[in-house]
């Protein structure tokens, strides 16, 4: 199992290109199941989760090809089974996203209950209740969701809580349902909007993307199209935080600044100078130590839970004391325990971390527990005395494309070694 070794103490300087968004490409790949012809998806990041999704679609019989520009051509016409098996779904919760498209397009689906990062309970009951309200016959047995429907029917769906994958699954299913579906308390994340834009390019009739109410007028079929995936706002934020922590200057290219308002406000509060263009963001700390920033995670457009761990890392070396409150997932401070091994002054009280910044961290062997925790431990290593060894980095490969190469381009001392 590979590990990363980070030699700390170097300010990051330079430009880095941002990849396509993991959390946008996965539902868009699932949406190709709705098409009656081939699709081409561009700006696809080379990630383990993308590979797993392609393997899952291929297991169903879907034909896929990848070109040298990381565009994926998907032909769902060769599909021969509507089963998502446990051995693939257990590694990635986003696999649940094939449920809605399979049910809407083919009238049946057999999908294993999902796995993924150990960051708390993420139940799929909202997905199932919504599909049942649209007329699906759903049974959960033997660890599998088994669903049937002659044709889904439009319905008014009021989601109990804001859920990104739940919104996406029901949105995709509604596109081929008979009649009008209204999804209330829908997720507003940019990745949900990107999925809606892709579906509209396929011929779907969707209104309200980016608001908390989605209205979908079902159509009889959707056609193939070519679509370019949104830039990854979480990767963007991670590299900007790396620049801020190290007192450096980092410019992110091919990104989407409008999706990062809450993160950029907190970086400015930390003392960063931020300049923004149409598709780039530049952060300059001018060699200064960041100021501590307090925050509270919440669904978009508030501060994203996927940037929480990175700001915990920033606050460990910031001037002052900060509190970070996690409201989305109940088990997402495991990285704090690893940072304590590096000399971080962090106290956990319920769903809040209280962090007193120290001038420097000290290198130590640490273990990644989930995707964003992996990134935060790498960031901590960048500002530590000595060489930090990060173990179990298969998590990082699920969501960051070539992170060690990109950080090296910015001047970081980082290398991958075999386990």
Protein backbone atom coordinates (compact mmCIF):
# COMPACT_ATOMS: atom_id res chain seq x y z
CA UNK A 1 0.00 0.00 0.00
CA UNK A 2 1.54 3.32 -1.11
CA UNK A 3 2.48 6.08 1.32
CA UNK A 4 3.33 9.77 0.94
CA UNK A 5 6.36 11.41 2.54
CA UNK A 6 6.15 15.20 2.95
CA UNK A 7 9.16 17.35 3.86
CA UNK A 8 7.77 20.49 5.48
CA UNK A 9 8.88 24.10 5.62
CA UNK A 10 8.63 25.23 1.99
CA UNK A 11 6.29 28.06 0.92
CA UNK A 12 4.23 27.05 -2.12
CA UNK A 13 4.61 29.23 -5.21
CA UNK A 14 3.21 28.91 -8.72
CA UNK A 15 0.25 27.84 -10.85
CA UNK A 16 -1.75 24.62 -10.71
CA UNK A 17 -4.45 23.34 -13.07
CA UNK A 18 -7.66 22.18 -11.43
CA UNK A 19 -9.24 18.91 -12.56
CA UNK A 20 -12.89 18.14 -13.23
CA UNK A 21 -15.07 17.70 -10.16
CA UNK A 22 -15.27 14.20 -8.69
CA UNK A 23 -18.66 14.98 -7.19
CA UNK A 24 -19.99 16.11 -10.57
CA UNK A 25 -18.55 13.45 -12.87
CA UNK A 26 -19.86 10.49 -10.84
CA UNK A 27 -23.58 11.41 -11.11
CA UNK A 28 -23.08 12.45 -14.74
CA UNK A 29 -21.61 9.03 -15.53
CA UNK A 30 -24.65 7.47 -13.83
CA UNK A 31 -26.91 9.74 -15.93
CA UNK A 32 -25.54 8.20 -19.14
CA UNK A 33 -27.72 5.17 -18.30
CA UNK A 34 -30.75 7.33 -19.17
CA UNK A 35 -29.61 8.01 -22.74
CA UNK A 36 -30.81 6.14 -25.82
CA UNK A 37 -27.51 6.83 -27.61
CA UNK A 38 -23.78 7.36 -26.97
CA UNK A 39 -22.48 10.19 -24.79
CA UNK A 40 -19.07 11.86 -24.49
CA UNK A 41 -18.04 13.26 -21.11
CA UNK A 42 -15.09 15.68 -21.06
CA UNK A 43 -12.81 17.12 -18.34
CA UNK A 44 -12.93 13.79 -16.50
CA UNK A 45 -10.41 13.54 -13.64
CA UNK A 46 -8.22 10.44 -13.41
CA UNK A 47 -9.43 9.18 -10.03
CA UNK A 48 -10.03 5.83 -8.39
CA UNK A 49 -13.74 6.66 -7.92
CA UNK A 50 -14.06 7.35 -11.66
CA UNK A 51 -12.34 4.04 -12.43
CA UNK A 52 -14.71 2.24 -10.04
CA UNK A 53 -17.75 3.88 -11.66
CA UNK A 54 -16.54 2.87 -15.11
CA UNK A 55 -15.98 -0.69 -13.87
CA UNK A 56 -19.50 -0.69 -12.42
CA UNK A 57 -21.04 0.48 -15.71
CA UNK A 58 -18.91 -2.01 -17.62
CA UNK A 59 -20.09 -4.85 -15.36
CA UNK A 60 -23.64 -3.99 -16.46
CA UNK A 61 -22.58 -4.28 -20.09
CA UNK A 62 -22.19 -0.58 -20.92
CA UNK A 63 -19.47 0.11 -23.53
CA UNK A 64 -16.83 2.67 -22.47
CA UNK A 65 -13.73 4.08 -24.12
CA UNK A 66 -11.29 6.71 -22.83
CA UNK A 67 -9.20 8.91 -25.11
CA UNK A 68 -5.86 10.61 -24.43
CA UNK A 69 -7.63 13.82 -23.30
CA UNK A 70 -9.51 11.92 -20.55
CA UNK A 71 -12.82 12.11 -22.36
CA UNK A 72 -15.04 9.11 -21.75
CA UNK A 73 -17.33 7.83 -24.49
CA UNK A 74 -20.25 5.89 -23.03
CA UNK A 75 -22.66 3.72 -25.02
CA UNK A 76 -25.44 2.39 -22.76
CA UNK A 77 -27.18 0.54 -25.58
CA UNK A 78 -25.14 -2.60 -24.83
CA UNK A 79 -26.37 -2.85 -21.21
CA UNK A 80 -27.44 -6.41 -20.40
CA UNK A 81 -28.05 -6.41 -16.63
CA UNK A 82 -29.32 -3.88 -14.06
CA UNK A 83 -27.23 -5.12 -11.13
CA UNK A 84 -24.68 -3.14 -9.09
CA UNK A 85 -22.79 -5.78 -7.07
CA UNK A 86 -21.52 -5.45 -3.52
CA UNK A 87 -17.82 -5.84 -4.34
CA UNK A 88 -17.89 -2.58 -6.32
CA UNK A 89 -20.53 -0.59 -4.45
CA UNK A 90 -18.93 -1.21 -1.04
CA UNK A 91 -15.90 0.93 -1.96
CA UNK A 92 -17.87 4.00 -3.06
CA UNK A 93 -21.16 5.36 -1.77
CA UNK A 94 -21.80 7.25 -5.02
CA UNK A 95 -22.59 3.89 -6.64
CA UNK A 96 -26.13 4.33 -5.28
CA UNK A 97 -26.58 6.90 -8.06
CA UNK A 98 -27.24 4.17 -10.64
CA UNK A 99 -30.47 3.24 -8.83
CA UNK A 100 -32.66 6.07 -10.14
CA UNK A 101 -31.48 5.93 -13.77
CA UNK A 102 -31.76 2.12 -14.00
CA UNK A 103 -35.26 2.15 -12.55
CA UNK A 104 -36.44 5.01 -14.77
CA UNK A 105 -34.91 3.71 -18.03
CA UNK A 106 -35.15 -0.07 -17.66
CA UNK A 107 -37.87 -0.54 -15.02
CA UNK A 108 -35.68 -2.51 -12.64
CA UNK A 109 -32.57 -2.22 -10.50
CA UNK A 110 -30.67 -4.37 -8.03
CA UNK A 111 -28.14 -2.25 -6.16
CA UNK A 112 -26.06 -3.22 -3.15
CA UNK A 113 -26.34 -1.01 -0.10
CA UNK A 114 -23.31 1.32 -0.35
CA UNK A 115 -20.03 1.70 1.51
CA UNK A 116 -17.43 4.49 1.24
CA UNK A 117 -15.63 6.76 3.71
CA UNK A 118 -16.15 6.23 7.43
CA UNK A 119 -17.44 9.74 8.12
CA UNK A 120 -20.76 8.93 9.66
CA UNK A 121 -24.23 7.75 8.80
CA UNK A 122 -25.46 8.62 5.32
CA UNK A 123 -28.72 6.66 5.03
CA UNK A 124 -30.35 6.00 1.68
CA UNK A 125 -33.91 6.06 3.01
CA UNK A 126 -34.61 9.41 1.32
CA UNK A 127 -33.69 7.90 -2.07
CA UNK A 128 -35.97 4.92 -1.48
CA UNK A 129 -38.91 6.88 -0.08
CA UNK A 130 -38.80 9.26 -3.04
CA UNK A 131 -38.73 6.46 -5.60
CA UNK A 132 -41.55 4.66 -3.78
CA UNK A 133 -43.62 7.87 -3.92
CA UNK A 134 -43.06 7.80 -7.69
CA UNK A 135 -44.60 4.34 -7.88
CA UNK A 136 -41.62 2.01 -7.50
CA UNK A 137 -41.92 -1.32 -5.69
CA UNK A 138 -38.86 -1.43 -3.44
CA UNK A 139 -37.56 -4.19 -1.19
CA UNK A 140 -34.35 -4.27 0.82
CA UNK A 141 -33.11 -7.79 1.44
CA UNK A 142 -29.79 -9.57 1.68
CA UNK A 143 -27.92 -6.26 1.63
CA UNK A 144 -29.44 -5.28 -1.73
CA UNK A 145 -32.03 -2.75 -2.85
CA UNK A 146 -34.36 -4.45 -5.33
CA UNK A 147 -36.63 -2.05 -7.19
CA UNK A 148 -39.24 -2.48 -9.93
CA UNK A 149 -41.52 -0.08 -11.81
CA UNK A 150 -43.36 -0.28 -15.15
CA UNK A 151 -42.96 3.49 -15.46
CA UNK A 152 -42.33 5.96 -12.68
CA UNK A 153 -44.95 8.65 -12.15
CA UNK A 154 -44.40 12.28 -11.28
CA UNK A 155 -44.90 13.21 -7.62
CA UNK A 156 -44.33 15.95 -5.08
CA UNK A 157 -41.28 14.95 -3.03
CA UNK A 158 -40.40 16.83 0.17
CA UNK A 159 -36.97 15.65 1.31
CA UNK A 160 -36.56 15.25 5.09
CA UNK A 161 -33.03 16.60 4.98
CA UNK A 162 -30.88 18.22 2.32
CA UNK A 163 -29.04 15.37 0.56
CA UNK A 164 -26.89 15.76 -2.53
CA UNK A 165 -26.97 12.17 -3.76
CA UNK A 166 -30.64 11.85 -2.81
CA UNK A 167 -31.50 14.94 -4.86
CA UNK A 168 -29.42 13.66 -7.79
CA UNK A 169 -30.95 10.17 -7.76
CA UNK A 170 -34.51 11.48 -7.68
CA UNK A 171 -33.75 14.17 -10.27
CA UNK A 172 -32.44 11.58 -12.73
CA UNK A 173 -35.38 9.26 -12.10
CA UNK A 174 -37.88 12.11 -12.61
CA UNK A 175 -36.53 12.93 -16.07
CA UNK A 176 -38.20 9.81 -17.57
CA UNK A 177 -41.21 9.69 -15.22
CA UNK A 178 -44.74 10.17 -16.48
CA UNK A 179 -45.85 13.67 -15.50
CA UNK A 180 -44.34 16.43 -13.35
CA UNK A 181 -42.12 15.84 -10.33
CA UNK A 182 -41.42 18.57 -7.78
CA UNK A 183 -38.48 18.02 -5.43
CA UNK A 184 -38.59 20.33 -2.40
CA UNK A 185 -35.73 20.91 0.05
CA UNK A 186 -33.43 19.92 -2.82
CA UNK A 187 -29.65 20.26 -2.59
CA UNK A 188 -28.29 23.41 -4.26
CA UNK A 189 -24.65 22.36 -4.71
CA UNK A 190 -22.87 23.33 -7.96
CA UNK A 191 -22.44 19.63 -8.73
CA UNK A 192 -26.24 19.18 -8.65
CA UNK A 193 -26.55 22.12 -11.05
CA UNK A 194 -23.91 20.55 -13.31
CA UNK A 195 -25.87 17.29 -13.40
CA UNK A 196 -29.06 19.22 -14.23
CA UNK A 197 -27.26 21.06 -17.04
CA UNK A 198 -26.03 17.74 -18.47
CA UNK A 199 -29.54 16.26 -18.27
CA UNK A 200 -30.96 19.31 -20.03
CA UNK A 201 -28.35 18.87 -22.77
CA UNK A 202 -29.74 15.32 -23.12
CA UNK A 203 -33.27 16.69 -23.58
CA UNK A 204 -34.60 16.77 -20.01
CA UNK A 205 -36.99 19.50 -18.89
CA UNK A 206 -35.74 20.80 -15.54
CA UNK A 207 -36.43 24.11 -13.80
CA UNK A 208 -35.02 25.52 -10.58
CA UNK A 209 -31.51 24.02 -10.56
CA UNK A 210 -29.48 25.88 -7.94
CA UNK A 211 -32.57 26.55 -5.80
CA UNK A 212 -34.23 24.40 -3.15
CA UNK A 213 -37.13 23.46 -5.44
CA UNK A 214 -36.61 21.43 -8.61
CA UNK A 215 -39.44 20.97 -11.09
CA UNK A 216 -39.04 18.19 -13.67
CA UNK A 217 -41.40 17.54 -16.56
CA UNK A 218 -40.87 13.93 -17.56
CA UNK A 219 -40.11 13.07 -21.19
CA UNK A 220 -40.34 9.77 -23.04
CA UNK A 221 -36.62 9.53 -23.85
CA UNK A 222 -33.28 11.27 -23.50
CA UNK A 223 -30.61 11.41 -26.21
CA UNK A 224 -26.85 11.29 -26.04
CA UNK A 225 -24.76 14.47 -26.03
CA UNK A 226 -21.26 15.80 -25.39
CA UNK A 227 -20.75 17.45 -22.01
CA UNK A 228 -17.78 18.99 -20.14
CA UNK A 229 -17.68 18.46 -16.37
CA UNK A 230 -17.46 21.38 -13.92
CA UNK A 231 -14.11 22.21 -12.27
CA UNK A 232 -13.53 20.74 -8.80
CA UNK A 233 -14.18 23.42 -6.17
CA UNK A 234 -12.87 21.20 -3.34
CA UNK A 235 -9.55 20.55 -5.08
CA UNK A 236 -9.34 24.29 -5.76
CA UNK A 237 -9.96 25.11 -2.11
CA UNK A 238 -7.43 22.53 -0.95
CA UNK A 239 -4.60 24.05 -3.01
CA UNK A 240 -5.54 27.57 -1.91
CA UNK A 241 -5.43 26.50 1.75
CA UNK A 242 -2.03 24.90 1.11
CA UNK A 243 -0.79 28.25 -0.19
CA UNK A 244 -2.23 30.07 2.83
CA UNK A 245 -0.75 27.67 5.40
CA UNK A 246 2.74 27.86 3.91
CA UNK A 247 2.74 31.66 3.52
CA UNK A 248 3.01 31.29 -0.24
CA UNK A 249 1.36 32.39 -3.48
CA UNK A 250 -0.77 29.94 -5.41
CA UNK A 251 -2.79 30.50 -8.57
CA UNK A 252 -5.43 27.90 -9.49
CA UNK A 253 -6.32 27.69 -13.20
CA UNK A 254 -9.31 26.22 -15.06
CA UNK A 255 -11.48 26.55 -11.98
CA UNK A 256 -14.93 28.01 -11.17
CA UNK A 257 -14.55 30.93 -8.71
CA UNK A 258 -18.30 31.47 -8.31
CA UNK A 259 -18.64 28.08 -6.62
CA UNK A 260 -16.22 29.03 -3.81
CA UNK A 261 -17.64 32.20 -2.25
CA UNK A 262 -17.82 30.82 1.33
CA UNK A 263 -14.27 29.40 1.17
CA UNK A 264 -12.74 32.56 -0.31
CA UNK A 265 -14.35 34.71 2.40
CA UNK A 266 -12.73 32.56 5.08
CA UNK A 267 -9.34 32.70 3.34
CA UNK A 268 -9.54 36.49 3.25
CA UNK A 269 -10.45 36.43 6.94
CA UNK A 270 -7.27 34.38 7.47
CA UNK A 271 -5.27 37.24 5.94
CA UNK A 272 -4.92 36.09 2.34
CA UNK A 273 -4.98 38.51 -0.60
CA UNK A 274 -7.36 37.01 -3.16
CA UNK A 275 -7.63 37.96 -6.83
CA UNK A 276 -10.24 36.31 -9.06
CA UNK A 277 -10.69 36.06 -12.83
CA UNK A 278 -13.18 34.29 -15.06
CA UNK A 279 -11.57 30.87 -14.53
CA UNK A 280 -8.73 31.46 -12.07
CA UNK A 281 -8.12 32.36 -8.42
CA UNK A 282 -4.85 33.69 -7.00
CA UNK A 283 -4.01 33.63 -3.30
CA UNK A 284 -1.03 35.53 -1.87
CA UNK A 285 -0.07 35.35 1.82
CA UNK A 286 3.05 37.50 1.31
CA UNK A 287 5.03 35.27 3.68
CA UNK A 288 2.68 35.83 6.62
CA UNK A 289 1.29 33.32 9.08
CA UNK A 290 -2.51 32.92 8.70
CA UNK A 291 -4.98 34.21 11.28
CA UNK A 292 -7.31 31.72 12.99
CA UNK A 293 -10.79 31.51 11.44
CA UNK A 294 -13.91 30.01 12.98
CA UNK A 295 -16.57 28.41 10.80
CA UNK A 296 -19.62 26.17 10.72
CA UNK A 297 -20.30 23.68 7.93
CA UNK A 298 -23.71 23.51 6.28
CA UNK A 299 -25.22 22.66 2.88
CA UNK A 300 -24.39 24.93 -0.07
CA UNK A 301 -24.13 27.90 -0.36
CA UNK A 302 -22.76 27.82 3.21
CA UNK A 303 -19.29 26.51 4.08
CA UNK A 304 -18.75 23.00 2.60
CA UNK A 305 -18.15 20.03 4.86
CA UNK A 306 -15.60 18.79 2.32
CA UNK A 307 -13.36 21.78 3.20
CA UNK A 308 -13.66 21.39 6.97
CA UNK A 309 -10.60 19.17 7.46
CA UNK A 310 -8.40 21.50 5.40
CA UNK A 311 -9.36 24.48 7.59
CA UNK A 312 -8.69 22.45 10.72
CA UNK A 313 -5.17 21.99 9.33
CA UNK A 314 -4.87 25.73 8.60
CA UNK A 315 -5.95 26.64 12.12
CA UNK A 316 -3.36 24.34 13.71
CA UNK A 317 -0.63 26.78 12.61
CA UNK A 318 -2.65 30.02 12.63
CA UNK A 319 -2.38 32.95 15.06
CA UNK A 320 -5.12 32.73 17.65
CA UNK A 321 -7.91 30.33 18.62
CA UNK A 322 -10.71 29.12 16.35
CA UNK A 323 -13.74 26.85 16.60
CA UNK A 324 -14.94 24.65 13.76
CA UNK A 325 -18.41 23.13 14.01
CA UNK A 326 -19.39 20.20 11.80
CA UNK A 327 -23.15 19.98 11.20
CA UNK A 328 -23.31 17.70 8.14
CA UNK A 329 -21.56 14.47 9.25
CA UNK A 330 -21.31 13.31 12.86
CA UNK A 331 -17.98 11.46 12.64
CA UNK A 332 -15.70 13.77 10.72
CA UNK A 333 -12.97 14.87 13.13
CA UNK A 334 -10.81 11.73 13.00
CA UNK A 335 -8.06 13.75 11.30
CA UNK A 336 -7.81 15.90 14.46
CA UNK A 337 -6.51 12.90 16.44
CA UNK A 338 -3.76 12.36 13.88
CA UNK A 339 -2.83 16.06 13.91
CA UNK A 340 -2.49 15.90 17.69
CA UNK A 341 0.31 13.40 17.06
CA UNK A 342 2.02 16.21 15.13
CA UNK A 343 1.76 18.64 18.04
CA UNK A 344 -1.52 20.32 17.12
CA UNK A 345 -3.50 21.82 20.02
CA UNK A 346 -7.02 20.59 19.26
CA UNK A 347 -9.84 19.81 21.67
CA UNK A 348 -13.01 18.08 20.46
CA UNK A 349 -16.30 18.87 22.22
CA UNK A 350 -19.20 17.08 20.53
CA UNK A 351 -19.39 18.32 16.93
CA UNK A 352 -16.98 21.22 17.54
CA UNK A 353 -13.20 21.37 17.35
CA UNK A 354 -11.45 24.08 19.37
CA UNK A 355 -8.02 24.79 17.89
CA UNK A 356 -5.22 26.90 19.32
CA UNK A 357 -2.61 27.59 16.69
CA UNK A 358 1.07 26.75 17.21
CA UNK A 359 3.97 28.20 15.17
CA UNK A 360 4.99 24.85 13.69
CA UNK A 361 3.87 21.23 13.71
CA UNK A 362 6.28 18.34 14.17
CA UNK A 363 6.53 15.49 11.66
CA UNK A 364 5.07 12.14 12.68
CA UNK A 365 3.72 9.02 10.99
CA UNK A 366 -0.04 9.51 10.51
CA UNK A 367 -2.89 7.51 9.03
CA UNK A 368 -5.60 8.79 6.69
CA UNK A 369 -9.15 7.87 7.68
CA UNK A 370 -11.16 9.33 4.80
CA UNK A 371 -10.73 11.32 1.60
CA UNK A 372 -10.66 14.89 2.97
CA UNK A 373 -8.78 13.82 6.11
CA UNK A 374 -6.06 12.54 3.78
CA UNK A 375 -5.75 15.98 2.20
CA UNK A 376 -5.65 17.72 5.58
CA UNK A 377 -2.80 15.50 6.81
CA UNK A 378 -0.80 16.30 3.68
CA UNK A 379 -1.40 20.00 4.34
CA UNK A 380 -0.25 19.55 7.94
CA UNK A 381 2.90 17.85 6.65
CA UNK A 382 3.68 20.90 4.50
CA UNK A 383 4.08 23.02 7.66
CA UNK A 384 5.83 20.46 9.88
CA UNK A 385 9.46 20.19 10.94
CA UNK A 386 10.86 16.99 9.43
CA UNK A 387 9.38 14.31 7.20
CA UNK A 388 5.73 13.35 7.67
CA UNK A 389 4.67 9.89 6.53
CA UNK A 390 0.99 9.59 5.53
CA UNK A 391 -0.31 6.02 5.39
CA UNK A 392 -3.48 4.59 3.76
CA UNK A 393 -3.39 7.15 0.95
CA UNK A 394 -5.73 5.09 -1.23
CA UNK A 395 -8.32 7.50 0.16
CA UNK A 396 -6.58 10.47 -1.50
CA UNK A 397 -6.50 8.72 -4.87
CA UNK A 398 -10.29 8.51 -4.76
CA UNK A 399 -10.68 12.29 -4.94
CA UNK A 400 -7.45 14.10 -5.93
CA UNK A 401 -5.80 13.69 -9.31
CA UNK A 402 -1.99 13.39 -9.03
CA UNK A 403 -1.90 15.44 -5.82
CA UNK A 404 1.81 14.82 -5.19
CA UNK A 405 2.73 15.89 -8.73
CA UNK A 406 0.68 19.08 -8.49
CA UNK A 407 2.11 19.98 -5.08
CA UNK A 408 5.62 19.28 -6.39
CA UNK A 409 4.98 21.76 -9.21
CA UNK A 410 4.31 24.35 -6.50
CA UNK A 411 7.61 23.58 -4.74
CA UNK A 412 6.44 21.13 -2.08
CA UNK A 413 8.76 18.37 -0.91
CA UNK A 414 6.50 15.37 -1.42
CA UNK A 415 6.98 11.91 -2.86
CA UNK A 416 5.05 8.65 -3.11
CA UNK A 417 6.72 5.49 -1.88
CA UNK A 418 5.51 1.88 -2.09
CA UNK A 419 4.14 0.41 1.13
